[in-house]
C-alpha atoms as a PDB file:
ATOM      1  CA  UNK A   1      39.359-140.592 219.917  1.00  0.00           C
ATOM      2  CA  UNK A   2      41.835-142.594 222.345  1.00  0.00           C
ATOM      3  CA  UNK A   3      40.516-144.694 225.132  1.00  0.00           C
ATOM      4  CA  UNK A   4      42.349-142.824 227.481  1.00  0.00           C
ATOM      5  CA  UNK A   5      40.213-139.576 226.484  1.00  0.00           C
ATOM      6  CA  UNK A   6      37.233-141.665 225.931  1.00  0.00           C
ATOM      7  CA  UNK A   7      37.959-142.057 229.468  1.00  0.00           C
ATOM      8  CA  UNK A   8      38.571-139.122 230.537  1.00  0.00           C
ATOM      9  CA  UNK A   9      35.670-137.614 228.781  1.00  0.00           C
ATOM     10  CA  UNK A  10      33.097-140.402 230.548  1.00  0.00           C
ATOM     11  CA  UNK A  11      34.619-139.049 234.216  1.00  0.00           C
ATOM     12  CA  UNK A  12      33.933-135.103 233.168  1.00  0.00           C
ATOM     13  CA  UNK A  13      30.219-136.351 231.721  1.00  0.00           C
ATOM     14  CA  UNK A  14      29.645-138.504 234.949  1.00  0.00           C
ATOM     15  CA  UNK A  15      30.376-134.974 237.023  1.00  0.00           C
ATOM     16  CA  UNK A  16      28.105-133.532 235.403  1.00  0.00           C
ATOM     17  CA  UNK A  17      25.397-136.024 235.541  1.00  0.00           C
ATOM     18  CA  UNK A  18      26.390-136.077 239.080  1.00  0.00           C
ATOM     19  CA  UNK A  19      25.659-132.383 239.995  1.00  0.00           C
ATOM     20  CA  UNK A  20      22.205-132.826 238.398  1.00  0.00           C
ATOM     21  CA  UNK A  21      21.571-135.556 240.696  1.00  0.00           C
ATOM     22  CA  UNK A  22      22.513-133.963 243.809  1.00  0.00           C
ATOM     23  CA  UNK A  23      23.308-130.228 243.572  1.00  0.00           C
ATOM     24  CA  UNK A  24      25.852-128.401 245.748  1.00  0.00           C
ATOM     25  CA  UNK A  25      24.880-126.988 249.161  1.00  0.00           C
ATOM     26  CA  UNK A  26      24.087-123.251 249.065  1.00  0.00           C
ATOM     27  CA  UNK A  27      27.928-121.540 249.350  1.00  0.00           C
ATOM     28  CA  UNK A  28      29.596-124.670 248.377  1.00  0.00           C
ATOM     29  CA  UNK A  29      32.675-123.861 245.722  1.00  0.00           C
ATOM     30  CA  UNK A  30      31.740-123.729 241.992  1.00  0.00           C
ATOM     31  CA  UNK A  31      32.470-126.717 240.272  1.00  0.00           C
ATOM     32  CA  UNK A  32      34.107-126.373 236.985  1.00  0.00           C
ATOM     33  CA  UNK A  33      32.390-128.582 233.722  1.00  0.00           C
ATOM     34  CA  UNK A  34      33.850-129.760 230.804  1.00  0.00           C
ATOM     35  CA  UNK A  35      32.757-126.781 228.173  1.00  0.00           C
ATOM     36  CA  UNK A  36      32.232-129.055 225.404  1.00  0.00           C
ATOM     37  CA  UNK A  37      30.435-131.719 227.643  1.00  0.00           C
ATOM     38  CA  UNK A  38      27.949-129.030 228.589  1.00  0.00           C
ATOM     39  CA  UNK A  39      27.681-127.627 224.969  1.00  0.00           C
ATOM     40  CA  UNK A  40      26.818-131.809 224.020  1.00  0.00           C
ATOM     41  CA  UNK A  41      24.041-131.537 226.574  1.00  0.00           C
ATOM     42  CA  UNK A  42      22.602-128.309 225.513  1.00  0.00           C
ATOM     43  CA  UNK A  43      22.492-129.652 221.695  1.00  0.00           C
ATOM     44  CA  UNK A  44      20.415-132.299 223.467  1.00  0.00           C
ATOM     45  CA  UNK A  45      18.238-130.872 226.070  1.00  0.00           C
ATOM     46  CA  UNK A  46      17.882-127.248 225.080  1.00  0.00           C
ATOM     47  CA  UNK A  47      20.321-124.444 227.096  1.00  0.00           C
ATOM     48  CA  UNK A  48      17.429-123.219 229.530  1.00  0.00           C
ATOM     49  CA  UNK A  49      17.506-126.976 230.667  1.00  0.00           C
ATOM     50  CA  UNK A  50      21.016-127.010 231.428  1.00  0.00           C
ATOM     51  CA  UNK A  51      21.073-123.651 232.999  1.00  0.00           C
ATOM     52  CA  UNK A  52      18.026-124.569 235.595  1.00  0.00           C
ATOM     53  CA  UNK A  53      19.820-127.754 236.660  1.00  0.00           C
ATOM     54  CA  UNK A  54      23.367-126.874 236.638  1.00  0.00           C
ATOM     55  CA  UNK A  55      23.596-122.793 237.706  1.00  0.00           C
ATOM     56  CA  UNK A  56      27.173-121.700 236.696  1.00  0.00           C
ATOM     57  CA  UNK A  57      27.562-123.522 234.032  1.00  0.00           C
ATOM     58  CA  UNK A  58      28.851-120.617 232.019  1.00  0.00           C
ATOM     59  CA  UNK A  59      25.998-121.062 229.242  1.00  0.00           C
ATOM     60  CA  UNK A  60      25.925-118.384 227.065  1.00  0.00           C
ATOM     61  CA  UNK A  61      23.207-116.077 228.093  1.00  0.00           C
ATOM     62  CA  UNK A  62      22.043-115.597 224.736  1.00  0.00           C
ATOM     63  CA  UNK A  63      21.604-118.594 223.870  1.00  0.00           C
ATOM     64  CA  UNK A  64      19.864-119.658 227.383  1.00  0.00           C
ATOM     65  CA  UNK A  65      17.274-116.526 226.573  1.00  0.00           C
ATOM     66  CA  UNK A  66      16.219-117.764 223.349  1.00  0.00           C
ATOM     67  CA  UNK A  67      16.007-121.087 224.619  1.00  0.00           C
ATOM     68  CA  UNK A  68      13.442-120.057 227.263  1.00  0.00           C
ATOM     69  CA  UNK A  69      11.733-117.911 224.783  1.00  0.00           C
ATOM     70  CA  UNK A  70      11.020-120.843 222.178  1.00  0.00           C
ATOM     71  CA  UNK A  71      10.282-123.214 225.094  1.00  0.00           C
ATOM     72  CA  UNK A  72       7.799-120.777 226.747  1.00  0.00           C
ATOM     73  CA  UNK A  73       5.966-120.665 223.417  1.00  0.00           C
ATOM     74  CA  UNK A  74       5.753-124.261 223.544  1.00  0.00           C
ATOM     75  CA  UNK A  75       4.259-124.651 226.927  1.00  0.00           C
ATOM     76  CA  UNK A  76       2.123-121.346 226.851  1.00  0.00           C
ATOM     77  CA  UNK A  77       0.611-122.690 223.419  1.00  0.00           C
ATOM     78  CA  UNK A  78      -0.241-126.377 224.661  1.00  0.00           C
ATOM     79  CA  UNK A  79      -1.294-124.918 227.766  1.00  0.00           C
ATOM     80  CA  UNK A  80      -3.729-123.255 225.545  1.00  0.00           C
ATOM     81  CA  UNK A  81      -5.252-126.245 224.122  1.00  0.00           C
ATOM     82  CA  UNK A  82      -5.020-128.441 227.062  1.00  0.00           C
ATOM     83  CA  UNK A  83      -7.567-126.201 228.681  1.00  0.00           C
ATOM     84  CA  UNK A  84      -9.778-125.936 225.548  1.00  0.00           C
ATOM     85  CA  UNK A  85     -10.244-129.385 226.183  1.00  0.00           C
ATOM     86  CA  UNK A  86     -10.881-129.527 230.128  1.00  0.00           C
ATOM     87  CA  UNK A  87     -13.230-125.999 229.639  1.00  0.00           C
ATOM     88  CA  UNK A  88     -15.432-128.489 227.176  1.00  0.00           C
ATOM     89  CA  UNK A  89     -15.855-130.662 229.800  1.00  0.00           C
ATOM     90  CA  UNK A  90     -13.247-133.750 228.946  1.00  0.00           C
ATOM     91  CA  UNK A  91     -10.975-135.272 231.088  1.00  0.00           C
ATOM     92  CA  UNK A  92      -7.179-134.560 229.981  1.00  0.00           C
ATOM     93  CA  UNK A  93      -3.871-134.338 231.158  1.00  0.00           C
ATOM     94  CA  UNK A  94      -0.513-133.312 230.332  1.00  0.00           C
ATOM     95  CA  UNK A  95       2.110-135.688 230.335  1.00  0.00           C
ATOM     96  CA  UNK A  96       6.250-136.239 229.651  1.00  0.00           C
ATOM     97  CA  UNK A  97       7.755-132.822 228.829  1.00  0.00           C
ATOM     98  CA  UNK A  98       5.072-130.630 229.556  1.00  0.00           C
ATOM     99  CA  UNK A  99       4.097-131.845 232.634  1.00  0.00           C
ATOM    100  CA  UNK A 100       7.602-132.107 233.841  1.00  0.00           C
ATOM    101  CA  UNK A 101       8.004-128.733 232.982  1.00  0.00           C
ATOM    102  CA  UNK A 102       4.774-127.547 235.326  1.00  0.00           C
ATOM    103  CA  UNK A 103       6.550-129.401 238.692  1.00  0.00           C
ATOM    104  CA  UNK A 104       9.776-130.460 238.036  1.00  0.00           C
ATOM    105  CA  UNK A 105      11.606-126.944 237.012  1.00  0.00           C
ATOM    106  CA  UNK A 106      12.054-123.549 238.489  1.00  0.00           C
ATOM    107  CA  UNK A 107       9.854-122.407 235.713  1.00  0.00           C
ATOM    108  CA  UNK A 108       8.284-124.551 233.066  1.00  0.00           C
ATOM    109  CA  UNK A 109      10.393-122.563 230.287  1.00  0.00           C
ATOM    110  CA  UNK A 110      13.153-124.353 231.758  1.00  0.00           C
ATOM    111  CA  UNK A 111      12.041-127.565 230.147  1.00  0.00           C
ATOM    112  CA  UNK A 112      12.389-127.975 226.608  1.00  0.00           C
ATOM    113  CA  UNK A 113       9.910-129.680 224.677  1.00  0.00           C
ATOM    114  CA  UNK A 114       8.992-130.003 220.845  1.00  0.00           C
ATOM    115  CA  UNK A 115       5.231-130.458 221.473  1.00  0.00           C
ATOM    116  CA  UNK A 116       2.475-131.028 223.955  1.00  0.00           C
ATOM    117  CA  UNK A 117       1.385-134.088 224.767  1.00  0.00           C
ATOM    118  CA  UNK A 118      -2.112-133.977 226.287  1.00  0.00           C
ATOM    119  CA  UNK A 119      -3.604-137.410 227.441  1.00  0.00           C
ATOM    120  CA  UNK A 120      -7.292-137.979 227.133  1.00  0.00           C
ATOM    121  CA  UNK A 121      -9.654-141.464 227.154  1.00  0.00           C
ATOM    122  CA  UNK A 122     -10.040-143.616 224.206  1.00  0.00           C
ATOM    123  CA  UNK A 123     -13.772-142.801 224.498  1.00  0.00           C
ATOM    124  CA  UNK A 124     -13.454-139.146 224.460  1.00  0.00           C
ATOM    125  CA  UNK A 125     -11.031-139.052 221.584  1.00  0.00           C
ATOM    126  CA  UNK A 126     -13.328-138.420 218.650  1.00  0.00           C
ATOM    127  CA  UNK A 127     -14.513-135.425 220.418  1.00  0.00           C
ATOM    128  CA  UNK A 128     -11.489-133.805 221.133  1.00  0.00           C
ATOM    129  CA  UNK A 129     -10.586-134.320 217.176  1.00  0.00           C
ATOM    130  CA  UNK A 130     -13.382-132.991 216.390  1.00  0.00           C
ATOM    131  CA  UNK A 131     -12.468-129.294 218.831  1.00  0.00           C
ATOM    132  CA  UNK A 132      -9.517-129.324 217.093  1.00  0.00           C
ATOM    133  CA  UNK A 133     -10.001-129.621 213.810  1.00  0.00           C
ATOM    134  CA  UNK A 134     -12.704-127.592 214.129  1.00  0.00           C
ATOM    135  CA  UNK A 135      -9.845-125.229 215.260  1.00  0.00           C
ATOM    136  CA  UNK A 136      -7.499-125.877 211.791  1.00  0.00           C
ATOM    137  CA  UNK A 137      -5.352-128.607 213.067  1.00  0.00           C
ATOM    138  CA  UNK A 138      -4.933-131.228 210.711  1.00  0.00           C
ATOM    139  CA  UNK A 139      -2.687-134.158 211.235  1.00  0.00           C
ATOM    140  CA  UNK A 140       0.704-133.878 209.997  1.00  0.00           C
ATOM    141  CA  UNK A 141       1.929-136.160 207.164  1.00  0.00           C
ATOM    142  CA  UNK A 142       5.250-136.690 208.912  1.00  0.00           C
ATOM    143  CA  UNK A 143       7.225-139.760 207.308  1.00  0.00           C
ATOM    144  CA  UNK A 144       8.691-142.094 210.200  1.00  0.00           C
ATOM    145  CA  UNK A 145      12.312-142.737 210.608  1.00  0.00           C
ATOM    146  CA  UNK A 146      11.414-146.595 210.186  1.00  0.00           C
ATOM    147  CA  UNK A 147       9.764-148.197 206.822  1.00  0.00           C
ATOM    148  CA  UNK A 148       7.154-149.709 208.958  1.00  0.00           C
ATOM    149  CA  UNK A 149       5.533-146.695 210.584  1.00  0.00           C
ATOM    150  CA  UNK A 150       4.093-146.049 213.795  1.00  0.00           C
ATOM    151  CA  UNK A 151       4.235-149.039 216.037  1.00  0.00           C
ATOM    152  CA  UNK A 152       3.052-147.273 218.832  1.00  0.00           C
ATOM    153  CA  UNK A 153      -0.878-147.332 219.194  1.00  0.00           C
ATOM    154  CA  UNK A 154      -1.270-145.037 222.148  1.00  0.00           C
ATOM    155  CA  UNK A 155      -0.511-141.813 220.399  1.00  0.00           C
ATOM    156  CA  UNK A 156      -0.781-140.457 216.531  1.00  0.00           C
ATOM    157  CA  UNK A 157       0.772-138.486 214.211  1.00  0.00           C
ATOM    158  CA  UNK A 158       0.980-135.262 215.257  1.00  0.00           C
ATOM    159  CA  UNK A 159      -1.656-132.224 215.178  1.00  0.00           C
ATOM    160  CA  UNK A 160      -0.718-129.307 213.536  1.00  0.00           C
ATOM    161  CA  UNK A 161      -2.374-125.807 214.190  1.00  0.00           C
ATOM    162  CA  UNK A 162      -2.954-123.585 210.404  1.00  0.00           C
ATOM    163  CA  UNK A 163       0.947-122.510 210.079  1.00  0.00           C
ATOM    164  CA  UNK A 164       2.340-125.330 211.433  1.00  0.00           C
ATOM    165  CA  UNK A 165       3.320-123.174 214.649  1.00  0.00           C
ATOM    166  CA  UNK A 166       1.643-125.409 217.058  1.00  0.00           C
ATOM    167  CA  UNK A 167       1.833-128.876 217.650  1.00  0.00           C
ATOM    168  CA  UNK A 168      -0.418-131.510 219.648  1.00  0.00           C
ATOM    169  CA  UNK A 169       0.230-134.936 220.272  1.00  0.00           C
ATOM    170  CA  UNK A 170      -2.768-136.948 221.836  1.00  0.00           C
ATOM    171  CA  UNK A 171      -2.507-139.737 223.599  1.00  0.00           C
ATOM    172  CA  UNK A 172      -5.139-142.728 225.003  1.00  0.00           C
ATOM    173  CA  UNK A 173      -2.650-143.991 226.701  1.00  0.00           C
ATOM    174  CA  UNK A 174       0.583-143.207 228.933  1.00  0.00           C
ATOM    175  CA  UNK A 175       2.801-145.379 226.295  1.00  0.00           C
ATOM    176  CA  UNK A 176       2.619-147.996 223.904  1.00  0.00           C
ATOM    177  CA  UNK A 177       1.498-151.576 224.602  1.00  0.00           C
ATOM    178  CA  UNK A 178       1.659-153.106 227.500  1.00  0.00           C
ATOM    179  CA  UNK A 179       1.831-149.876 229.224  1.00  0.00           C
ATOM    180  CA  UNK A 180      -2.006-149.774 229.792  1.00  0.00           C
ATOM    181  CA  UNK A 181      -1.678-152.827 231.284  1.00  0.00           C
ATOM    182  CA  UNK A 182       0.558-151.497 233.925  1.00  0.00           C
ATOM    183  CA  UNK A 183      -1.436-148.395 234.648  1.00  0.00           C
ATOM    184  CA  UNK A 184      -4.670-147.155 232.884  1.00  0.00           C
ATOM    185  CA  UNK A 185      -5.380-143.774 231.409  1.00  0.00           C
ATOM    186  CA  UNK A 186      -8.608-143.856 234.016  1.00  0.00           C
ATOM    187  CA  UNK A 187      -6.235-144.533 237.220  1.00  0.00           C
ATOM    188  CA  UNK A 188      -3.712-141.858 235.809  1.00  0.00           C
ATOM    189  CA  UNK A 189      -6.762-139.388 235.317  1.00  0.00           C
ATOM    190  CA  UNK A 190      -8.256-140.554 239.251  1.00  0.00           C
ATOM    191  CA  UNK A 191      -4.594-139.662 240.463  1.00  0.00           C
ATOM    192  CA  UNK A 192      -3.677-136.654 238.955  1.00  0.00           C
ATOM    193  CA  UNK A 193      -2.430-133.746 240.653  1.00  0.00           C
ATOM    194  CA  UNK A 194      -2.699-129.841 239.680  1.00  0.00           C
ATOM    195  CA  UNK A 195       0.763-128.549 239.449  1.00  0.00           C
ATOM    196  CA  UNK A 196       1.423-125.026 238.070  1.00  0.00           C
ATOM    197  CA  UNK A 197      -1.846-124.668 236.985  1.00  0.00           C
ATOM    198  CA  UNK A 198      -2.569-127.645 234.752  1.00  0.00           C
ATOM    199  CA  UNK A 199      -3.380-131.311 235.595  1.00  0.00           C
ATOM    200  CA  UNK A 200      -0.625-133.578 235.666  1.00  0.00           C
ATOM    201  CA  UNK A 201       0.237-137.241 236.418  1.00  0.00           C
ATOM    202  CA  UNK A 202       0.549-138.135 240.087  1.00  0.00           C
ATOM    203  CA  UNK A 203       4.700-138.385 240.958  1.00  0.00           C
ATOM    204  CA  UNK A 204       4.494-142.533 240.914  1.00  0.00           C
ATOM    205  CA  UNK A 205       2.822-142.256 237.821  1.00  0.00           C
ATOM    206  CA  UNK A 206       5.233-140.071 235.858  1.00  0.00           C
ATOM    207  CA  UNK A 207       7.817-141.774 236.680  1.00  0.00           C
ATOM    208  CA  UNK A 208       6.304-144.750 235.329  1.00  0.00           C
ATOM    209  CA  UNK A 209       5.704-142.755 231.843  1.00  0.00           C
ATOM    210  CA  UNK A 210       9.197-141.600 232.160  1.00  0.00           C
ATOM    211  CA  UNK A 211      10.466-144.701 232.663  1.00  0.00           C
ATOM    212  CA  UNK A 212       8.584-146.219 229.450  1.00  0.00           C
ATOM    213  CA  UNK A 213       9.347-143.634 227.433  1.00  0.00           C
ATOM    214  CA  UNK A 214      12.695-143.481 228.103  1.00  0.00           C
ATOM    215  CA  UNK A 215      13.100-147.332 227.249  1.00  0.00           C
ATOM    216  CA  UNK A 216      10.637-146.694 223.863  1.00  0.00           C
ATOM    217  CA  UNK A 217      13.543-144.577 223.046  1.00  0.00           C
ATOM    218  CA  UNK A 218      16.360-147.415 223.825  1.00  0.00           C
ATOM    219  CA  UNK A 219      17.970-144.915 226.440  1.00  0.00           C
ATOM    220  CA  UNK A 220      19.944-143.042 223.448  1.00  0.00           C
ATOM    221  CA  UNK A 221      20.318-139.267 223.292  1.00  0.00           C
ATOM    222  CA  UNK A 222      16.427-139.509 222.373  1.00  0.00           C
ATOM    223  CA  UNK A 223      16.017-139.884 226.031  1.00  0.00           C
ATOM    224  CA  UNK A 224      18.628-137.183 227.629  1.00  0.00           C
ATOM    225  CA  UNK A 225      15.544-135.156 228.627  1.00  0.00           C
ATOM    226  CA  UNK A 226      13.243-137.920 229.958  1.00  0.00           C
ATOM    227  CA  UNK A 227      16.668-139.312 232.198  1.00  0.00           C
ATOM    228  CA  UNK A 228      17.098-135.537 233.283  1.00  0.00           C
ATOM    229  CA  UNK A 229      13.169-135.666 234.647  1.00  0.00           C
ATOM    230  CA  UNK A 230      14.230-138.981 236.698  1.00  0.00           C
ATOM    231  CA  UNK A 231      17.365-137.308 238.195  1.00  0.00           C
ATOM    232  CA  UNK A 232      14.793-134.421 239.390  1.00  0.00           C
ATOM    233  CA  UNK A 233      12.350-136.689 240.622  1.00  0.00           C
ATOM    234  CA  UNK A 234      15.263-138.743 242.855  1.00  0.00           C
ATOM    235  CA  UNK A 235      16.073-135.646 244.435  1.00  0.00           C
ATOM    236  CA  UNK A 236      12.789-135.440 246.365  1.00  0.00           C
ATOM    237  CA  UNK A 237      13.161-138.636 249.088  1.00  0.00           C
ATOM    238  CA  UNK A 238       9.515-139.948 249.887  1.00  0.00           C
ATOM    239  CA  UNK A 239       8.045-138.638 246.245  1.00  0.00           C
ATOM    240  CA  UNK A 240       7.289-142.063 244.557  1.00  0.00           C
ATOM    241  CA  UNK A 241       5.778-145.072 245.946  1.00  0.00           C
ATOM    242  CA  UNK A 242       7.918-147.825 244.922  1.00  0.00           C
ATOM    243  CA  UNK A 243       5.695-150.550 245.889  1.00  0.00           C
ATOM    244  CA  UNK A 244       2.920-149.341 243.669  1.00  0.00           C
ATOM    245  CA  UNK A 245       6.034-148.756 240.657  1.00  0.00           C
ATOM    246  CA  UNK A 246       7.030-152.536 241.315  1.00  0.00           C
ATOM    247  CA  UNK A 247       3.233-154.083 241.270  1.00  0.00           C
ATOM    248  CA  UNK A 248       2.357-152.230 238.274  1.00  0.00           C
ATOM    249  CA  UNK A 249       5.540-152.737 236.607  1.00  0.00           C
ATOM    250  CA  UNK A 250       4.919-156.828 237.243  1.00  0.00           C
ATOM    251  CA  UNK A 251       1.309-156.086 235.727  1.00  0.00           C
ATOM    252  CA  UNK A 252       2.253-155.033 232.630  1.00  0.00           C
ATOM    253  CA  UNK A 253       5.350-156.810 231.977  1.00  0.00           C
ATOM    254  CA  UNK A 254       7.560-153.779 232.635  1.00  0.00           C
ATOM    255  CA  UNK A 255       9.610-154.550 235.257  1.00  0.00           C
ATOM    256  CA  UNK A 256      12.882-155.048 233.219  1.00  0.00           C
ATOM    257  CA  UNK A 257      12.957-151.037 231.576  1.00  0.00           C
ATOM    258  CA  UNK A 258      11.761-149.716 234.790  1.00  0.00           C
ATOM    259  CA  UNK A 259      14.743-151.159 236.393  1.00  0.00           C
ATOM    260  CA  UNK A 260      17.299-150.579 234.048  1.00  0.00           C
ATOM    261  CA  UNK A 261      15.913-147.274 234.277  1.00  0.00           C
ATOM    262  CA  UNK A 262      16.468-146.934 238.144  1.00  0.00           C
ATOM    263  CA  UNK A 263      19.797-148.556 237.756  1.00  0.00           C
ATOM    264  CA  UNK A 264      21.176-145.847 235.298  1.00  0.00           C
ATOM    265  CA  UNK A 265      19.597-143.458 237.369  1.00  0.00           C
ATOM    266  CA  UNK A 266      22.019-144.861 240.332  1.00  0.00           C
ATOM    267  CA  UNK A 267      25.344-144.961 237.795  1.00  0.00           C
ATOM    268  CA  UNK A 268      24.495-140.917 236.790  1.00  0.00           C
ATOM    269  CA  UNK A 269      24.220-140.209 240.561  1.00  0.00           C
ATOM    270  CA  UNK A 270      20.650-140.734 242.092  1.00  0.00           C
ATOM    271  CA  UNK A 271      20.227-142.326 245.432  1.00  0.00           C
ATOM    272  CA  UNK A 272      18.081-145.112 244.134  1.00  0.00           C
ATOM    273  CA  UNK A 273      18.189-147.096 247.760  1.00  0.00           C
ATOM    274  CA  UNK A 274      14.744-147.185 248.270  1.00  0.00           C
ATOM    275  CA  UNK A 275      13.787-148.024 244.716  1.00  0.00           C
ATOM    276  CA  UNK A 276      16.463-150.955 244.471  1.00  0.00           C
ATOM    277  CA  UNK A 277      14.175-152.941 247.837  1.00  0.00           C
ATOM    278  CA  UNK A 278      11.232-152.946 245.287  1.00  0.00           C
ATOM    279  CA  UNK A 279      12.736-153.607 242.021  1.00  0.00           C
ATOM    280  CA  UNK A 280      16.086-156.149 240.869  1.00  0.00           C
ATOM    281  CA  UNK A 281      18.024-153.034 240.188  1.00  0.00           C
ATOM    282  CA  UNK A 282      20.795-154.944 241.018  1.00  0.00           C
ATOM    283  CA  UNK A 283      20.637-157.636 238.496  1.00  0.00           C
ATOM    284  CA  UNK A 284      20.363-155.071 235.588  1.00  0.00           C
ATOM    285  CA  UNK A 285      24.030-155.052 233.859  1.00  0.00           C
ATOM    286  CA  UNK A 286      25.942-156.528 231.210  1.00  0.00           C
ATOM    287  CA  UNK A 287      28.027-154.765 228.001  1.00  0.00           C
ATOM    288  CA  UNK A 288      24.854-153.876 226.481  1.00  0.00           C
ATOM    289  CA  UNK A 289      23.701-151.655 230.008  1.00  0.00           C
ATOM    290  CA  UNK A 290      27.693-150.737 229.997  1.00  0.00           C
ATOM    291  CA  UNK A 291      27.559-148.966 226.489  1.00  0.00           C
ATOM    292  CA  UNK A 292      24.472-147.092 227.825  1.00  0.00           C
ATOM    293  CA  UNK A 293      26.221-145.829 230.750  1.00  0.00           C
ATOM    294  CA  UNK A 294      28.869-144.482 228.539  1.00  0.00           C
ATOM    295  CA  UNK A 295      27.088-143.127 226.060  1.00  0.00           C
ATOM    296  CA  UNK A 296      25.501-140.783 229.030  1.00  0.00           C
ATOM    297  CA  UNK A 297      28.638-140.258 230.612  1.00  0.00           C
ATOM    298  CA  UNK A 298      30.402-139.022 227.020  1.00  0.00           C
ATOM    299  CA  UNK A 299      27.201-136.829 225.858  1.00  0.00           C
ATOM    300  CA  UNK A 300      26.016-139.514 223.023  1.00  0.00           C
ATOM    301  CA  UNK A 301      29.238-138.160 220.472  1.00  0.00           C
ATOM    302  CA  UNK A 302      28.111-138.970 216.915  1.00  0.00           C
ATOM    303  CA  UNK A 303      30.049-141.851 216.941  1.00  0.00           C
ATOM    304  CA  UNK A 304      28.240-143.955 219.488  1.00  0.00           C
ATOM    305  CA  UNK A 305      25.028-143.601 217.857  1.00  0.00           C
ATOM    306  CA  UNK A 306      23.083-146.820 218.054  1.00  0.00           C
ATOM    307  CA  UNK A 307      23.002-148.816 214.600  1.00  0.00           C
ATOM    308  CA  UNK A 308      20.184-151.368 214.010  1.00  0.00           C
ATOM    309  CA  UNK A 309      21.883-153.949 215.852  1.00  0.00           C
ATOM    310  CA  UNK A 310      22.794-152.060 219.131  1.00  0.00           C
ATOM    311  CA  UNK A 311      19.410-151.210 218.858  1.00  0.00           C
ATOM    312  CA  UNK A 312      17.909-154.663 218.823  1.00  0.00           C
ATOM    313  CA  UNK A 313      20.411-155.560 221.807  1.00  0.00           C
ATOM    314  CA  UNK A 314      18.795-152.720 223.842  1.00  0.00           C
ATOM    315  CA  UNK A 315      15.324-153.411 223.201  1.00  0.00           C
ATOM    316  CA  UNK A 316      15.737-157.593 224.313  1.00  0.00           C
ATOM    317  CA  UNK A 317      18.110-157.264 226.794  1.00  0.00           C
ATOM    318  CA  UNK A 318      16.983-153.560 228.301  1.00  0.00           C
ATOM    319  CA  UNK A 319      13.868-151.813 226.854  1.00  0.00           C
ATOM    320  CA  UNK A 320      11.031-155.044 227.404  1.00  0.00           C
ATOM    321  CA  UNK A 321      10.094-157.699 228.013  1.00  0.00           C
ATOM    322  CA  UNK A 322      10.701-160.727 225.134  1.00  0.00           C
ATOM    323  CA  UNK A 323       6.987-161.075 225.035  1.00  0.00           C
ATOM    324  CA  UNK A 324       6.937-157.249 224.107  1.00  0.00           C
ATOM    325  CA  UNK A 325       9.741-157.635 221.904  1.00  0.00           C
ATOM    326  CA  UNK A 326       8.310-160.075 219.703  1.00  0.00           C
ATOM    327  CA  UNK A 327       4.897-158.091 219.688  1.00  0.00           C
ATOM    328  CA  UNK A 328       6.775-154.884 218.252  1.00  0.00           C
ATOM    329  CA  UNK A 329       9.079-156.552 216.114  1.00  0.00           C
ATOM    330  CA  UNK A 330       5.876-158.392 214.521  1.00  0.00           C
ATOM    331  CA  UNK A 331       4.134-154.920 214.851  1.00  0.00           C
ATOM    332  CA  UNK A 332       7.126-153.760 212.858  1.00  0.00           C
ATOM    333  CA  UNK A 333       7.082-156.981 210.499  1.00  0.00           C
ATOM    334  CA  UNK A 334       3.697-156.875 209.233  1.00  0.00           C
ATOM    335  CA  UNK A 335       4.330-152.461 209.096  1.00  0.00           C
ATOM    336  CA  UNK A 336       6.970-153.196 206.153  1.00  0.00           C
ATOM    337  CA  UNK A 337       3.954-154.252 204.210  1.00  0.00           C
ATOM    338  CA  UNK A 338       1.639-152.306 204.983  1.00  0.00           C
ATOM    339  CA  UNK A 339       3.151-149.421 207.264  1.00  0.00           C
ATOM    340  CA  UNK A 340       1.327-148.124 209.908  1.00  0.00           C
ATOM    341  CA  UNK A 341       0.001-144.721 209.399  1.00  0.00           C
ATOM    342  CA  UNK A 342      -0.519-143.416 213.156  1.00  0.00           C
ATOM    343  CA  UNK A 343      -4.233-141.955 212.325  1.00  0.00           C
ATOM    344  CA  UNK A 344      -6.947-142.449 214.581  1.00  0.00           C
ATOM    345  CA  UNK A 345      -9.574-145.322 213.268  1.00  0.00           C
ATOM    346  CA  UNK A 346     -13.051-143.292 213.859  1.00  0.00           C
ATOM    347  CA  UNK A 347     -15.753-144.909 213.535  1.00  0.00           C
ATOM    348  CA  UNK A 348     -17.319-141.463 212.119  1.00  0.00           C
ATOM    349  CA  UNK A 349     -14.240-141.365 209.890  1.00  0.00           C
ATOM    350  CA  UNK A 350     -16.741-140.402 206.445  1.00  0.00           C
ATOM    351  CA  UNK A 351     -18.680-138.086 208.256  1.00  0.00           C
ATOM    352  CA  UNK A 352     -15.954-135.295 208.173  1.00  0.00           C
END
């Protein structure tokens, strides 16, 4: 594609993001969006999500309905097992997409999810595993995209129901280290709120989770759903306590990725002025960040897929403090010799 074509697509894509960040008032003239870019966004986040955040975008109703049905199945299945864990007297929260569907979207089925992310205390993990495994769930043997296996110690291989229809991702922290230094599981459970009948993180905590996961995905296409969640959060002024976000970010060495997330949302049309008074958003910039913005505005074409070099740049320049990036790279290095399995270590492992 020529530079002129890329620029034109970038402007058209930015209009789509701006419409997500600041929807047109009721009665305003309908906006015509670039159809190929809308389709590309549907491929990344599901047609149901795009139809919910861009009313009148002209998405095939059959594709929207099919997407809603699949999303609904996954949400309902996840809620069933969240309820089973809660009914057993174990504190549990939905996080990430399952939680976002409960409070950020008109209906849960508008938010595409691939699994049910459930947060429990590390001390309760064995009991939760017993409950799920006694009901036929088993850890999937899913190969990772990397030679070093699983880097995160906050979650594990997916647990699949008999037949594989239901996928549960158990977490003992909101995200990989050092997230727990910024926001502990105990603090998340203590501040939890109810939304659409399920326990979800408080909005301030939900934003920290979203920013951390978008950064761990290196602000690539894999984070597109999370970026949309962030834009929807910014639609509600006063929702997030930015002084708490800044304080916890400093405490957990997360100031850089959280600031980059806010800066990205600002470039996509959100009003981030309140956040920028607490976080060093104005200092975010440079070529690597501009490539992230460009990828979003062109809806992540295959030609923009981040290679190894670009991923390293994003990690060290945008997604983590130097000490955190170094720790993750060292864990990857050790994983080359003994890949991390992604299975929890249980004291009672030999008993089952």
